[in-house]
N, C-alpha and C. Protein backbone atom coordinates (compact mmCIF):
# COMPACT_ATOMS: atom_id res chain seq x y z
N UNK A 1 -38.30 -210.44 -109.12
CA UNK A 1 -38.41 -211.65 -109.52
C UNK A 1 -37.08 -211.77 -110.41
N UNK A 2 -36.71 -212.71 -110.11
CA UNK A 2 -35.02 -212.79 -110.60
C UNK A 2 -35.15 -213.72 -111.60
N UNK A 3 -34.44 -213.51 -112.90
CA UNK A 3 -34.37 -214.52 -114.10
C UNK A 3 -33.63 -215.42 -113.89
N UNK A 4 -33.66 -216.59 -114.39
CA UNK A 4 -33.03 -217.88 -114.28
C UNK A 4 -32.71 -218.36 -115.46
N UNK A 5 -31.58 -218.42 -115.56
CA UNK A 5 -30.84 -218.80 -116.82
C UNK A 5 -30.19 -220.39 -116.93
N UNK A 6 -30.70 -221.42 -117.91
CA UNK A 6 -30.10 -222.47 -117.74
C UNK A 6 -29.30 -222.65 -119.12
N UNK A 7 -28.02 -223.21 -119.21
CA UNK A 7 -27.19 -223.57 -120.26
C UNK A 7 -27.32 -224.90 -120.37
N UNK A 8 -27.50 -225.36 -121.73
CA UNK A 8 -27.70 -227.19 -122.18
C UNK A 8 -26.59 -227.22 -123.15
N UNK A 9 -25.60 -227.86 -123.00
CA UNK A 9 -24.72 -228.37 -124.07
C UNK A 9 -25.05 -229.43 -124.89
N UNK A 10 -25.50 -229.18 -125.93
CA UNK A 10 -26.16 -230.02 -127.11
C UNK A 10 -25.57 -230.13 -128.48
N UNK A 11 -25.31 -231.22 -128.78
CA UNK A 11 -24.34 -231.33 -130.12
C UNK A 11 -25.57 -230.75 -131.32
N UNK A 12 -24.90 -229.96 -132.25
CA UNK A 12 -25.75 -229.57 -133.56
C UNK A 12 -26.20 -230.76 -134.14
N UNK A 13 -26.04 -231.76 -134.06
CA UNK A 13 -26.82 -233.08 -134.85
C UNK A 13 -27.91 -233.25 -133.88
N UNK A 14 -27.63 -233.32 -132.40
CA UNK A 14 -28.62 -233.68 -131.75
C UNK A 14 -29.76 -232.84 -132.05
N UNK A 15 -29.58 -231.51 -132.16
CA UNK A 15 -30.36 -230.37 -132.14
C UNK A 15 -31.31 -230.43 -133.59
N UNK A 16 -30.43 -230.69 -134.69
CA UNK A 16 -31.14 -231.40 -136.36
C UNK A 16 -32.21 -232.43 -135.72
N UNK A 17 -31.65 -233.38 -135.06
CA UNK A 17 -32.81 -234.35 -134.77
C UNK A 17 -33.94 -234.06 -134.27
N UNK A 18 -33.67 -232.80 -133.36
CA UNK A 18 -35.18 -232.67 -132.29
C UNK A 18 -35.84 -231.72 -133.05
N UNK A 19 -35.21 -230.90 -133.93
CA UNK A 19 -36.05 -229.84 -135.03
C UNK A 19 -37.02 -230.80 -135.89
N UNK A 20 -36.19 -232.09 -136.47
CA UNK A 20 -36.99 -232.70 -137.40
C UNK A 20 -38.18 -233.14 -137.03
N UNK A 21 -38.26 -233.39 -135.33
CA UNK A 21 -39.25 -234.32 -134.99
C UNK A 21 -40.41 -233.36 -134.55
N UNK A 22 -40.28 -231.97 -134.59
CA UNK A 22 -41.18 -230.88 -134.22
C UNK A 22 -42.16 -231.16 -135.15
N UNK A 23 -43.70 -230.46 -135.07
CA UNK A 23 -44.51 -230.44 -135.83
C UNK A 23 -44.49 -229.36 -136.44
N UNK A 24 -45.13 -229.06 -137.44
CA UNK A 24 -44.92 -228.02 -138.81
C UNK A 24 -45.15 -226.72 -137.96
N UNK A 25 -46.10 -226.33 -136.82
CA UNK A 25 -46.52 -224.96 -136.35
C UNK A 25 -45.32 -224.90 -135.69
N UNK A 26 -44.94 -225.79 -135.02
CA UNK A 26 -43.64 -225.76 -134.00
C UNK A 26 -42.42 -225.38 -134.81
N UNK A 27 -42.13 -225.68 -136.03
CA UNK A 27 -41.15 -225.55 -136.83
C UNK A 27 -41.28 -223.90 -137.33
N UNK A 28 -42.47 -223.52 -137.76
CA UNK A 28 -42.89 -222.26 -138.11
C UNK A 28 -42.48 -221.10 -136.76
N UNK A 29 -42.86 -221.55 -135.77
CA UNK A 29 -42.20 -220.87 -134.64
C UNK A 29 -40.89 -220.80 -134.55
N UNK A 30 -40.23 -221.51 -134.36
CA UNK A 30 -38.68 -221.91 -134.47
C UNK A 30 -37.94 -220.76 -135.68
N UNK A 31 -38.73 -220.73 -136.90
CA UNK A 31 -38.32 -220.05 -137.94
C UNK A 31 -38.56 -218.74 -137.85
N UNK A 32 -39.94 -218.35 -137.32
CA UNK A 32 -39.81 -216.64 -136.92
C UNK A 32 -38.94 -216.21 -135.75
N UNK A 33 -38.82 -217.27 -134.86
CA UNK A 33 -37.73 -217.01 -133.73
C UNK A 33 -36.36 -216.68 -134.69
N UNK A 34 -35.90 -217.50 -135.16
CA UNK A 34 -34.58 -217.54 -135.64
C UNK A 34 -34.51 -216.41 -136.82
N UNK A 35 -35.66 -215.96 -137.50
CA UNK A 35 -35.46 -214.77 -138.36
C UNK A 35 -35.22 -213.40 -137.48
N UNK A 36 -36.12 -213.38 -136.32
CA UNK A 36 -35.99 -212.41 -135.54
C UNK A 36 -34.90 -212.23 -134.94
N UNK A 37 -33.90 -212.98 -134.69
CA UNK A 37 -32.43 -213.36 -133.99
C UNK A 37 -31.37 -212.88 -135.34
N UNK A 38 -31.72 -213.27 -136.23
CA UNK A 38 -30.69 -213.55 -137.39
C UNK A 38 -31.09 -211.56 -138.07
N UNK A 39 -32.11 -211.34 -138.10
CA UNK A 39 -32.30 -210.00 -138.82
C UNK A 39 -32.79 -209.01 -137.91
N UNK A 40 -32.25 -208.83 -136.63
CA UNK A 40 -32.94 -208.03 -135.84
C UNK A 40 -33.50 -206.43 -136.48
N UNK A 41 -32.70 -205.96 -137.34
CA UNK A 41 -32.70 -204.48 -137.67
C UNK A 41 -33.66 -204.19 -138.97
N UNK A 42 -33.86 -205.51 -139.59
CA UNK A 42 -34.93 -205.05 -140.48
C UNK A 42 -36.29 -205.02 -139.90
N UNK A 43 -36.89 -203.80 -140.47
CA UNK A 43 -38.13 -203.24 -140.70
C UNK A 43 -39.00 -203.81 -141.52
N UNK A 44 -39.78 -204.63 -141.55
CA UNK A 44 -40.34 -205.07 -142.61
C UNK A 44 -41.57 -204.16 -142.61
N UNK A 45 -41.97 -203.87 -143.97
CA UNK A 45 -43.11 -202.75 -143.96
C UNK A 45 -44.61 -203.76 -143.90
N UNK A 46 -45.61 -203.24 -143.87
CA UNK A 46 -46.92 -204.03 -143.97
C UNK A 46 -47.10 -204.40 -144.99
N UNK A 47 -46.59 -204.15 -146.02
CA UNK A 47 -46.84 -204.74 -147.39
C UNK A 47 -45.93 -206.00 -147.34
N UNK A 48 -44.53 -205.75 -146.97
CA UNK A 48 -43.55 -207.08 -147.03
C UNK A 48 -44.01 -208.26 -146.47
N UNK A 49 -44.29 -207.71 -144.77
CA UNK A 49 -45.38 -208.72 -144.36
C UNK A 49 -46.40 -209.72 -144.96
N UNK A 50 -47.22 -209.01 -145.56
CA UNK A 50 -48.29 -209.59 -146.13
C UNK A 50 -47.69 -210.19 -147.53
N UNK A 51 -46.91 -209.77 -148.02
CA UNK A 51 -46.38 -210.76 -149.13
C UNK A 51 -45.69 -212.02 -148.36
N UNK A 52 -44.84 -212.00 -147.36
CA UNK A 52 -44.21 -213.02 -146.95
C UNK A 52 -45.23 -214.03 -146.33
N UNK A 53 -46.24 -213.63 -145.72
CA UNK A 53 -47.16 -214.37 -145.48
C UNK A 53 -48.07 -215.21 -146.43
N UNK A 54 -48.38 -214.62 -147.63
CA UNK A 54 -49.15 -214.85 -148.55
C UNK A 54 -48.35 -216.23 -149.36
N UNK A 55 -46.96 -215.83 -149.37
CA UNK A 55 -45.95 -216.92 -150.17
C UNK A 55 -45.96 -218.02 -149.31
N UNK A 56 -45.90 -217.90 -147.91
CA UNK A 56 -45.80 -219.25 -147.03
C UNK A 56 -46.99 -219.87 -146.87
N UNK A 57 -48.42 -219.10 -147.35
CA UNK A 57 -49.57 -219.85 -147.24
C UNK A 57 -49.74 -220.64 -148.70
N UNK A 58 -48.94 -219.94 -149.75
CA UNK A 58 -49.04 -220.89 -151.01
C UNK A 58 -48.13 -222.09 -150.77
N UNK A 59 -46.94 -221.98 -150.15
CA UNK A 59 -45.85 -222.99 -149.95
C UNK A 59 -46.54 -224.18 -149.39
N UNK A 60 -47.50 -223.55 -147.91
CA UNK A 60 -48.12 -224.86 -147.32
C UNK A 60 -49.36 -225.34 -148.04
N UNK A 61 -50.01 -224.56 -148.97
CA UNK A 61 -51.11 -225.24 -149.76
C UNK A 61 -50.66 -226.04 -151.30
N UNK A 62 -49.21 -225.84 -151.33
CA UNK A 62 -48.39 -226.90 -152.57
C UNK A 62 -48.60 -226.02 -153.69
N UNK A 63 -48.91 -224.45 -153.65
CA UNK A 63 -48.80 -223.95 -154.83
C UNK A 63 -47.58 -223.36 -155.09
N UNK A 64 -46.58 -223.85 -155.58
CA UNK A 64 -45.08 -223.47 -155.75
C UNK A 64 -44.52 -224.41 -156.87
N UNK A 65 -43.70 -224.09 -157.23
CA UNK A 65 -42.78 -224.62 -158.45
C UNK A 65 -41.42 -224.97 -157.78
N UNK A 66 -40.99 -226.47 -157.86
CA UNK A 66 -39.72 -226.82 -157.29
C UNK A 66 -38.59 -226.17 -158.23
N UNK A 67 -37.63 -226.40 -158.09
CA UNK A 67 -36.62 -226.11 -158.85
C UNK A 67 -36.35 -226.83 -160.11
N UNK A 68 -36.20 -227.92 -159.83
CA UNK A 68 -36.57 -228.95 -161.13
C UNK A 68 -37.37 -228.82 -162.13
N UNK A 69 -38.68 -228.60 -161.50
CA UNK A 69 -39.75 -228.28 -162.40
C UNK A 69 -39.44 -226.80 -163.41
N UNK A 70 -38.89 -225.86 -162.62
CA UNK A 70 -38.70 -224.67 -163.31
C UNK A 70 -37.46 -225.00 -164.31
N UNK A 71 -36.41 -225.50 -164.22
CA UNK A 71 -35.20 -226.04 -164.83
C UNK A 71 -35.53 -226.44 -166.07
N UNK A 72 -36.68 -227.70 -165.97
CA UNK A 72 -37.20 -228.49 -166.69
C UNK A 72 -38.36 -227.39 -167.81
N UNK A 73 -38.84 -226.67 -167.45
CA UNK A 73 -39.65 -225.48 -168.13
C UNK A 73 -38.99 -224.63 -169.01
N UNK A 74 -37.66 -224.26 -168.40
CA UNK A 74 -36.83 -223.57 -168.75
C UNK A 74 -35.87 -224.09 -170.37
N UNK A 75 -35.69 -225.26 -169.88
CA UNK A 75 -35.05 -226.14 -171.19
C UNK A 75 -36.14 -226.47 -172.13
N UNK A 76 -37.35 -226.60 -171.98
CA UNK A 76 -38.23 -226.51 -173.04
C UNK A 76 -38.41 -225.71 -173.57
N UNK A 77 -38.09 -224.22 -173.29
CA UNK A 77 -38.57 -223.16 -173.78
C UNK A 77 -37.18 -222.85 -174.91
N UNK A 78 -36.16 -223.28 -174.50
CA UNK A 78 -35.12 -222.80 -175.22
C UNK A 78 -34.71 -223.87 -176.42
N UNK A 79 -35.50 -224.81 -176.51
CA UNK A 79 -35.47 -225.66 -177.72
C UNK A 79 -36.52 -225.45 -178.76
């Protein structure tokens, strides 16, 4: 079986527009692909992977603090 390669010349802006139109699950697949491409030598332990998955689940469930909320909390503690 031979491999066929197709090279597509697409502007970065067009790529960003295309990515923004993806569904959340597709964006997660892209995210995982990019992580593997950007950090191929990182061997995550099972504990690291579990922590990452838990953090992503918390984020998807809305269980997180924005930077603005954090900064406001910090400002309130210093007064």
